Amino acid sequence: MTVRIEKKIVAYKVAGKDAAETDSVTGAGNTAAEKKPAGAANENNIVRMHEKLERPEMLIGSTYKVKTPLSEHALYVTINDIVLNHGTENEKRRPFEIFINSKNMDHFQWIVALTRIVSAVFRKGGDVTFLVEELRSVFDPRGGYFKKGGKYMPSLVAEIGDAIECHMRMIGLLKDDGLDEHQRKLVAEKRAQFEAASSVKETADSGDFPEGSQLCSKCHTKAAIQMDGCLTCLNCGESKCG
């Protein structure tokens, strides 16, 4: 639209980005605002995890006990979480910092370094689930060990990563897909057949697996048994027979 100026110009100013809303000549008015989606205004109010987010006075945390045959004293892994967008539909609980404590001072330096680095990654935001695989991929040159339940841990660092994974699943950051109905049925049938054939009774600890079980290459648990010429895991359902 062309506007004819018939008076002398005595002053001027540079139009801002909101000029369309205040332009009385074109009558644009609130056209941009009317076209904006209903939920777009609330999108800018959503708080996301970033490194400049200030630490609240109080954080919600969980402590995990890590007892390994490598040390007489246990490690206590504490992970504190921050609640973002509290009381709204966008409320999320995300890990903010980690502390590891033990009476054993042999690993003091690298444990302090590890906690500071992991805490910094937590506060950076984004997808932090990659930490689990990175830590669980660390192998001890002296060899690993089996934890309670028959799960193989290649190193102490890997078990710390396992504790972080348990915490991420607990707060919903990682989804636990678990076994489907067919796999659960297969595992139950194989276990019943094996125990009937070898007359092995279940122990009080439901996490124990039959004696002589082999290490599963998928879930790293000593729960794979040989039946009918096929190696089948009683923990995750992995089978060489497909």
C-alpha atoms as a PDB file:
ATOM      1  CA  MET A   1       0.000   0.000   0.000  1.00  0.00           C
ATOM      2  CA  THR A   2       1.408   3.390  -1.043  1.00  0.00           C
ATOM      3  CA  VAL A   3       1.051   6.350   1.372  1.00  0.00           C
ATOM      4  CA  ARG A   4       1.346   9.913   0.050  1.00  0.00           C
ATOM      5  CA  ILE A   5       3.167  12.316   2.406  1.00  0.00           C
ATOM      6  CA  GLU A   6       1.746  15.828   2.073  1.00  0.00           C
ATOM      7  CA  LYS A   7       3.330  17.456   5.149  1.00  0.00           C
ATOM      8  CA  LYS A   8       6.898  18.420   5.912  1.00  0.00           C
ATOM      9  CA  ILE A   9       8.937  15.714   7.686  1.00  0.00           C
ATOM     10  CA  VAL A  10      10.167  17.088  11.016  1.00  0.00           C
ATOM     11  CA  ALA A  11      11.349  13.867  12.683  1.00  0.00           C
ATOM     12  CA  TYR A  12      11.785  10.137  12.056  1.00  0.00           C
ATOM     13  CA  LYS A  13      12.586   6.883  13.878  1.00  0.00           C
ATOM     14  CA  VAL A  14      13.672   3.344  12.926  1.00  0.00           C
ATOM     15  CA  ALA A  15      10.829   0.840  13.075  1.00  0.00           C
ATOM     16  CA  GLY A  16      11.356  -2.066  15.468  1.00  0.00           C
ATOM     17  CA  LYS A  17      10.365  -5.713  15.095  1.00  0.00           C
ATOM     18  CA  ASP A  18       7.017  -4.987  16.738  1.00  0.00           C
ATOM     19  CA  ALA A  19       6.171  -2.210  14.289  1.00  0.00           C
ATOM     20  CA  ALA A  20       3.578  -4.394  12.592  1.00  0.00           C
ATOM     21  CA  GLU A  21       1.569  -4.470  15.818  1.00  0.00           C
ATOM     22  CA  THR A  22       1.602  -0.660  16.239  1.00  0.00           C
ATOM     23  CA  ASP A  23       1.229   0.419  12.625  1.00  0.00           C
ATOM     24  CA  SER A  24      -1.998   2.393  12.487  1.00  0.00           C
ATOM     25  CA  VAL A  25      -1.613   3.285   8.813  1.00  0.00           C
ATOM     26  CA  THR A  26      -1.691  -0.223   7.336  1.00  0.00           C
ATOM     27  CA  GLY A  27      -4.081  -1.552   9.952  1.00  0.00           C
ATOM     28  CA  ALA A  28      -1.933  -4.670  10.384  1.00  0.00           C
ATOM     29  CA  GLY A  29      -2.677  -4.539  14.083  1.00  0.00           C
ATOM     30  CA  ASN A  30      -2.165  -7.922  15.745  1.00  0.00           C
ATOM     31  CA  THR A  31      -2.142 -10.016  12.587  1.00  0.00           C
ATOM     32  CA  ALA A  32       1.105 -11.768  13.568  1.00  0.00           C
ATOM     33  CA  ALA A  33      -0.185 -12.444  17.043  1.00  0.00           C
ATOM     34  CA  GLU A  34      -3.431 -13.849  15.676  1.00  0.00           C
ATOM     35  CA  LYS A  35      -1.571 -16.300  13.464  1.00  0.00           C
ATOM     36  CA  LYS A  36       0.660 -17.514  16.324  1.00  0.00           C
ATOM     37  CA  PRO A  37      -0.311 -20.995  17.610  1.00  0.00           C
ATOM     38  CA  ALA A  38      -2.006 -21.164  20.984  1.00  0.00           C
ATOM     39  CA  GLY A  39       0.832 -23.071  22.651  1.00  0.00           C
ATOM     40  CA  ALA A  40       3.674 -21.067  21.100  1.00  0.00           C
ATOM     41  CA  ALA A  41       3.679 -18.450  23.855  1.00  0.00           C
ATOM     42  CA  ASN A  42       4.210 -21.115  26.530  1.00  0.00           C
ATOM     43  CA  GLU A  43       7.048 -22.707  24.538  1.00  0.00           C
ATOM     44  CA  ASN A  44       9.379 -19.858  25.512  1.00  0.00           C
ATOM     45  CA  ASN A  45       8.654 -20.415  29.206  1.00  0.00           C
ATOM     46  CA  ILE A  46       9.860 -24.035  29.251  1.00  0.00           C
ATOM     47  CA  VAL A  47      13.072 -24.405  31.279  1.00  0.00           C
ATOM     48  CA  ARG A  48      15.579 -26.831  29.798  1.00  0.00           C
ATOM     49  CA  MET A  49      18.808 -28.195  31.225  1.00  0.00           C
ATOM     50  CA  HIS A  50      21.860 -26.029  30.470  1.00  0.00           C
ATOM     51  CA  GLU A  51      25.198 -25.252  32.097  1.00  0.00           C
ATOM     52  CA  LYS A  52      24.168 -21.787  33.324  1.00  0.00           C
ATOM     53  CA  LEU A  53      21.205 -23.125  35.293  1.00  0.00           C
ATOM     54  CA  GLU A  54      21.720 -22.189  38.947  1.00  0.00           C
ATOM     55  CA  ARG A  55      21.789 -24.944  41.548  1.00  0.00           C
ATOM     56  CA  PRO A  56      18.768 -24.845  43.898  1.00  0.00           C
ATOM     57  CA  GLU A  57      19.264 -24.922  47.668  1.00  0.00           C
ATOM     58  CA  MET A  58      17.843 -28.459  47.833  1.00  0.00           C
ATOM     59  CA  LEU A  59      18.045 -31.326  45.361  1.00  0.00           C
ATOM     60  CA  ILE A  60      16.381 -34.746  45.354  1.00  0.00           C
ATOM     61  CA  GLY A  61      18.895 -37.596  45.329  1.00  0.00           C
ATOM     62  CA  SER A  62      19.382 -41.361  45.490  1.00  0.00           C
ATOM     63  CA  THR A  63      22.348 -43.339  46.826  1.00  0.00           C
ATOM     64  CA  TYR A  64      23.472 -46.685  45.387  1.00  0.00           C
ATOM     65  CA  LYS A  65      25.776 -49.110  47.181  1.00  0.00           C
ATOM     66  CA  VAL A  66      28.472 -50.682  45.001  1.00  0.00           C
ATOM     67  CA  LYS A  67      30.223 -53.655  46.660  1.00  0.00           C
ATOM     68  CA  THR A  68      32.942 -55.292  44.623  1.00  0.00           C
ATOM     69  CA  PRO A  69      35.430 -58.105  45.326  1.00  0.00           C
ATOM     70  CA  LEU A  70      38.187 -55.685  44.326  1.00  0.00           C
ATOM     71  CA  SER A  71      37.920 -53.748  47.597  1.00  0.00           C
ATOM     72  CA  GLU A  72      37.096 -54.489  51.225  1.00  0.00           C
ATOM     73  CA  HIS A  73      34.986 -51.339  51.472  1.00  0.00           C
ATOM     74  CA  ALA A  74      31.935 -50.491  49.377  1.00  0.00           C
ATOM     75  CA  LEU A  75      31.450 -47.433  47.191  1.00  0.00           C
ATOM     76  CA  TYR A  76      28.396 -45.230  47.703  1.00  0.00           C
ATOM     77  CA  VAL A  77      27.243 -43.483  44.532  1.00  0.00           C
ATOM     78  CA  THR A  78      24.906 -40.527  45.159  1.00  0.00           C
ATOM     79  CA  ILE A  79      23.125 -38.876  42.220  1.00  0.00           C
ATOM     80  CA  ASN A  80      21.190 -35.660  42.840  1.00  0.00           C
ATOM     81  CA  ASP A  81      18.427 -34.569  40.459  1.00  0.00           C
ATOM     82  CA  ILE A  82      16.914 -31.219  39.578  1.00  0.00           C
ATOM     83  CA  VAL A  83      13.189 -30.907  38.831  1.00  0.00           C
ATOM     84  CA  LEU A  84      12.528 -28.709  35.783  1.00  0.00           C
ATOM     85  CA  ASN A  85       9.182 -26.962  35.179  1.00  0.00           C
ATOM     86  CA  HIS A  86       7.810 -28.125  38.513  1.00  0.00           C
ATOM     87  CA  GLY A  87       4.029 -28.407  38.685  1.00  0.00           C
ATOM     88  CA  THR A  88       3.476 -28.168  34.922  1.00  0.00           C
ATOM     89  CA  GLU A  89       2.833 -30.693  32.175  1.00  0.00           C
ATOM     90  CA  ASN A  90       6.476 -30.276  31.118  1.00  0.00           C
ATOM     91  CA  GLU A  91       7.857 -31.307  34.517  1.00  0.00           C
ATOM     92  CA  LYS A  92      11.002 -33.403  34.174  1.00  0.00           C
ATOM     93  CA  ARG A  93      13.535 -34.831  36.600  1.00  0.00           C
ATOM     94  CA  ARG A  94      17.106 -34.748  35.343  1.00  0.00           C
ATOM     95  CA  PRO A  95      20.460 -35.698  36.958  1.00  0.00           C
ATOM     96  CA  PHE A  96      22.394 -32.641  38.103  1.00  0.00           C
ATOM     97  CA  GLU A  97      25.445 -33.907  40.022  1.00  0.00           C
ATOM     98  CA  ILE A  98      27.106 -37.098  41.268  1.00  0.00           C
ATOM     99  CA  PHE A  99      29.196 -37.904  44.349  1.00  0.00           C
ATOM    100  CA  ILE A 100      31.119 -41.101  45.132  1.00  0.00           C
ATOM    101  CA  ASN A 101      32.287 -41.849  48.666  1.00  0.00           C
ATOM    102  CA  SER A 102      34.180 -44.736  50.261  1.00  0.00           C
ATOM    103  CA  LYS A 103      36.444 -45.573  53.181  1.00  0.00           C
ATOM    104  CA  ASN A 104      38.959 -46.872  50.662  1.00  0.00           C
ATOM    105  CA  MET A 105      41.215 -43.985  49.628  1.00  0.00           C
ATOM    106  CA  ASP A 106      43.172 -45.948  46.999  1.00  0.00           C
ATOM    107  CA  HIS A 107      41.065 -44.578  44.154  1.00  0.00           C
ATOM    108  CA  PHE A 108      40.484 -41.109  45.605  1.00  0.00           C
ATOM    109  CA  GLN A 109      42.059 -39.037  42.793  1.00  0.00           C
ATOM    110  CA  TRP A 110      40.407 -40.641  39.800  1.00  0.00           C
ATOM    111  CA  ILE A 111      37.055 -40.917  41.588  1.00  0.00           C
ATOM    112  CA  VAL A 112      37.050 -37.155  42.318  1.00  0.00           C
ATOM    113  CA  ALA A 113      38.005 -36.457  38.693  1.00  0.00           C
ATOM    114  CA  LEU A 114      35.267 -38.794  37.437  1.00  0.00           C
ATOM    115  CA  THR A 115      32.555 -37.187  39.581  1.00  0.00           C
ATOM    116  CA  ARG A 116      33.483 -33.679  38.429  1.00  0.00           C
ATOM    117  CA  ILE A 117      33.493 -34.636  34.754  1.00  0.00           C
ATOM    118  CA  VAL A 118      30.212 -36.579  34.940  1.00  0.00           C
ATOM    119  CA  SER A 119      28.558 -33.753  36.908  1.00  0.00           C
ATOM    120  CA  ALA A 120      29.697 -31.255  34.268  1.00  0.00           C
ATOM    121  CA  VAL A 121      28.174 -33.422  31.525  1.00  0.00           C
ATOM    122  CA  PHE A 122      24.916 -33.665  33.492  1.00  0.00           C
ATOM    123  CA  ARG A 123      24.678 -29.883  33.796  1.00  0.00           C
ATOM    124  CA  LYS A 124      25.533 -29.376  30.121  1.00  0.00           C
ATOM    125  CA  GLY A 125      22.125 -30.765  29.206  1.00  0.00           C
ATOM    126  CA  GLY A 126      21.071 -32.599  26.080  1.00  0.00           C
ATOM    127  CA  ASP A 127      21.274 -36.376  25.775  1.00  0.00           C
ATOM    128  CA  VAL A 128      23.500 -37.602  28.630  1.00  0.00           C
ATOM    129  CA  THR A 129      22.543 -41.286  28.341  1.00  0.00           C
ATOM    130  CA  PHE A 130      25.712 -41.955  26.314  1.00  0.00           C
ATOM    131  CA  LEU A 131      27.653 -41.852  29.609  1.00  0.00           C
ATOM    132  CA  VAL A 132      26.295 -45.274  30.530  1.00  0.00           C
ATOM    133  CA  GLU A 133      27.794 -47.036  27.512  1.00  0.00           C
ATOM    134  CA  GLU A 134      31.053 -45.098  27.769  1.00  0.00           C
ATOM    135  CA  LEU A 135      31.594 -46.114  31.409  1.00  0.00           C
ATOM    136  CA  ARG A 136      30.456 -49.705  30.892  1.00  0.00           C
ATOM    137  CA  SER A 137      32.984 -50.050  28.062  1.00  0.00           C
ATOM    138  CA  VAL A 138      35.940 -49.574  30.444  1.00  0.00           C
ATOM    139  CA  PHE A 139      37.776 -52.866  31.069  1.00  0.00           C
ATOM    140  CA  ASP A 140      40.163 -53.623  33.903  1.00  0.00           C
ATOM    141  CA  PRO A 141      43.416 -55.174  32.587  1.00  0.00           C
ATOM    142  CA  ARG A 142      43.455 -57.422  35.668  1.00  0.00           C
ATOM    143  CA  GLY A 143      40.061 -58.838  34.720  1.00  0.00           C
ATOM    144  CA  GLY A 144      36.481 -58.227  35.760  1.00  0.00           C
ATOM    145  CA  TYR A 145      34.171 -60.000  38.199  1.00  0.00           C
ATOM    146  CA  PHE A 146      30.609 -61.245  38.610  1.00  0.00           C
ATOM    147  CA  LYS A 147      28.237 -59.260  40.784  1.00  0.00           C
ATOM    148  CA  LYS A 148      25.272 -60.705  42.658  1.00  0.00           C
ATOM    149  CA  GLY A 149      22.830 -62.258  40.219  1.00  0.00           C
ATOM    150  CA  GLY A 150      25.562 -63.437  37.844  1.00  0.00           C
ATOM    151  CA  LYS A 151      26.005 -60.207  35.858  1.00  0.00           C
ATOM    152  CA  TYR A 152      29.544 -59.662  34.622  1.00  0.00           C
ATOM    153  CA  MET A 153      31.261 -56.352  35.393  1.00  0.00           C
ATOM    154  CA  PRO A 154      34.458 -55.707  33.378  1.00  0.00           C
ATOM    155  CA  SER A 155      35.694 -53.058  35.855  1.00  0.00           C
ATOM    156  CA  LEU A 156      34.818 -50.886  38.838  1.00  0.00           C
ATOM    157  CA  VAL A 157      34.168 -47.961  36.487  1.00  0.00           C
ATOM    158  CA  ALA A 158      31.709 -50.139  34.562  1.00  0.00           C
ATOM    159  CA  GLU A 159      29.761 -50.848  37.751  1.00  0.00           C
ATOM    160  CA  ILE A 160      29.555 -47.105  38.462  1.00  0.00           C
ATOM    161  CA  GLY A 161      28.116 -46.765  34.955  1.00  0.00           C
ATOM    162  CA  ASP A 162      25.659 -49.548  35.806  1.00  0.00           C
ATOM    163  CA  ALA A 163      24.511 -47.585  38.877  1.00  0.00           C
ATOM    164  CA  ILE A 164      24.013 -44.469  36.722  1.00  0.00           C
ATOM    165  CA  GLU A 165      21.964 -46.540  34.264  1.00  0.00           C
ATOM    166  CA  CYS A 166      19.729 -47.835  37.088  1.00  0.00           C
ATOM    167  CA  HIS A 167      19.154 -44.251  38.221  1.00  0.00           C
ATOM    168  CA  MET A 168      18.339 -43.027  34.711  1.00  0.00           C
ATOM    169  CA  ARG A 169      15.788 -45.807  34.327  1.00  0.00           C
ATOM    170  CA  MET A 170      14.300 -44.914  37.700  1.00  0.00           C
ATOM    171  CA  ILE A 171      13.697 -41.251  36.760  1.00  0.00           C
ATOM    172  CA  GLY A 172      12.452 -42.147  33.277  1.00  0.00           C
ATOM    173  CA  LEU A 173      15.422 -40.837  31.298  1.00  0.00           C
ATOM    174  CA  LEU A 174      16.047 -44.340  29.946  1.00  0.00           C
ATOM    175  CA  LYS A 175      13.215 -46.634  28.954  1.00  0.00           C
ATOM    176  CA  ASP A 176      13.303 -50.251  30.091  1.00  0.00           C
ATOM    177  CA  ASP A 177      11.897 -52.200  27.152  1.00  0.00           C
ATOM    178  CA  GLY A 178      12.242 -55.556  28.916  1.00  0.00           C
ATOM    179  CA  LEU A 179      11.233 -58.877  27.384  1.00  0.00           C
ATOM    180  CA  ASP A 180       8.168 -59.228  25.230  1.00  0.00           C
ATOM    181  CA  GLU A 181       5.488 -61.832  25.938  1.00  0.00           C
ATOM    182  CA  HIS A 182       7.030 -64.402  23.596  1.00  0.00           C
ATOM    183  CA  GLN A 183      10.498 -64.042  25.142  1.00  0.00           C
ATOM    184  CA  ARG A 184       9.141 -64.294  28.708  1.00  0.00           C
ATOM    185  CA  LYS A 185       7.266 -67.465  27.775  1.00  0.00           C
ATOM    186  CA  LEU A 186      10.378 -68.953  26.138  1.00  0.00           C
ATOM    187  CA  VAL A 187      12.576 -68.174  29.165  1.00  0.00           C
ATOM    188  CA  ALA A 188      10.025 -69.686  31.566  1.00  0.00           C
ATOM    189  CA  GLU A 189       9.723 -72.852  29.476  1.00  0.00           C
ATOM    190  CA  LYS A 190      13.482 -73.306  29.076  1.00  0.00           C
ATOM    191  CA  ARG A 191      14.103 -72.775  32.774  1.00  0.00           C
ATOM    192  CA  ALA A 192      11.383 -75.253  33.752  1.00  0.00           C
ATOM    193  CA  GLN A 193      12.757 -77.858  31.333  1.00  0.00           C
ATOM    194  CA  PHE A 194      16.309 -77.414  32.559  1.00  0.00           C
ATOM    195  CA  GLU A 195      15.364 -77.672  36.234  1.00  0.00           C
ATOM    196  CA  ALA A 196      13.206 -80.717  35.575  1.00  0.00           C
ATOM    197  CA  ALA A 197      15.999 -82.455  33.657  1.00  0.00           C
ATOM    198  CA  SER A 198      18.756 -81.701  36.151  1.00  0.00           C
ATOM    199  CA  SER A 199      16.585 -81.743  39.305  1.00  0.00           C
ATOM    200  CA  VAL A 200      17.860 -78.293  40.259  1.00  0.00           C
ATOM    201  CA  LYS A 201      15.564 -76.413  42.633  1.00  0.00           C
ATOM    202  CA  GLU A 202      15.285 -72.655  42.753  1.00  0.00           C
ATOM    203  CA  THR A 203      17.146 -70.979  45.563  1.00  0.00           C
ATOM    204  CA  ALA A 204      15.794 -68.284  47.868  1.00  0.00           C
ATOM    205  CA  ASP A 205      17.432 -65.595  45.762  1.00  0.00           C
ATOM    206  CA  SER A 206      15.344 -65.170  42.602  1.00  0.00           C
ATOM    207  CA  GLY A 207      18.364 -63.576  40.891  1.00  0.00           C
ATOM    208  CA  ASP A 208      20.377 -66.826  40.972  1.00  0.00           C
ATOM    209  CA  PHE A 209      20.629 -68.975  37.861  1.00  0.00           C
ATOM    210  CA  PRO A 210      21.384 -72.708  37.515  1.00  0.00           C
ATOM    211  CA  GLU A 211      24.907 -73.881  38.283  1.00  0.00           C
ATOM    212  CA  GLY A 212      27.084 -74.275  35.234  1.00  0.00           C
ATOM    213  CA  SER A 213      25.389 -71.418  33.364  1.00  0.00           C
ATOM    214  CA  GLN A 214      27.548 -69.703  30.774  1.00  0.00           C
ATOM    215  CA  LEU A 215      28.091 -65.999  30.178  1.00  0.00           C
ATOM    216  CA  CYS A 216      25.545 -64.438  27.815  1.00  0.00           C
ATOM    217  CA  SER A 217      27.190 -62.311  25.132  1.00  0.00           C
ATOM    218  CA  LYS A 218      24.184 -59.945  24.980  1.00  0.00           C
ATOM    219  CA  CYS A 219      23.331 -59.067  28.613  1.00  0.00           C
ATOM    220  CA  HIS A 220      26.702 -60.151  30.146  1.00  0.00           C
ATOM    221  CA  THR A 221      24.931 -62.294  32.752  1.00  0.00           C
ATOM    222  CA  LYS A 222      25.979 -65.821  33.698  1.00  0.00           C
ATOM    223  CA  ALA A 223      22.602 -67.260  32.770  1.00  0.00           C
ATOM    224  CA  ALA A 224      23.005 -69.071  29.426  1.00  0.00           C
ATOM    225  CA  ILE A 225      22.230 -72.816  29.476  1.00  0.00           C
ATOM    226  CA  GLN A 226      22.702 -75.535  26.843  1.00  0.00           C
ATOM    227  CA  MET A 227      19.463 -77.308  25.972  1.00  0.00           C
ATOM    228  CA  ASP A 228      18.581 -79.379  22.891  1.00  0.00           C
ATOM    229  CA  GLY A 229      21.844 -78.347  21.291  1.00  0.00           C
ATOM    230  CA  CYS A 230      21.005 -74.650  21.638  1.00  0.00           C
ATOM    231  CA  LEU A 231      22.474 -72.036  24.003  1.00  0.00           C
ATOM    232  CA  THR A 232      19.661 -69.963  25.560  1.00  0.00           C
ATOM    233  CA  CYS A 233      19.939 -67.146  28.106  1.00  0.00           C
ATOM    234  CA  LEU A 234      17.501 -67.343  31.038  1.00  0.00           C
ATOM    235  CA  ASN A 235      17.908 -63.616  31.727  1.00  0.00           C
ATOM    236  CA  CYS A 236      17.338 -61.820  28.401  1.00  0.00           C
ATOM    237  CA  GLY A 237      16.043 -64.649  26.177  1.00  0.00           C
ATOM    238  CA  GLU A 238      18.958 -64.535  23.718  1.00  0.00           C
ATOM    239  CA  SER A 239      19.121 -67.802  21.800  1.00  0.00           C
ATOM    240  CA  LYS A 240      21.545 -69.121  19.209  1.00  0.00           C
ATOM    241  CA  CYS A 241      18.619 -70.864  17.541  1.00  0.00           C
ATOM    242  CA  GLY A 242      16.876 -67.559  16.908  1.00  0.00           C
END
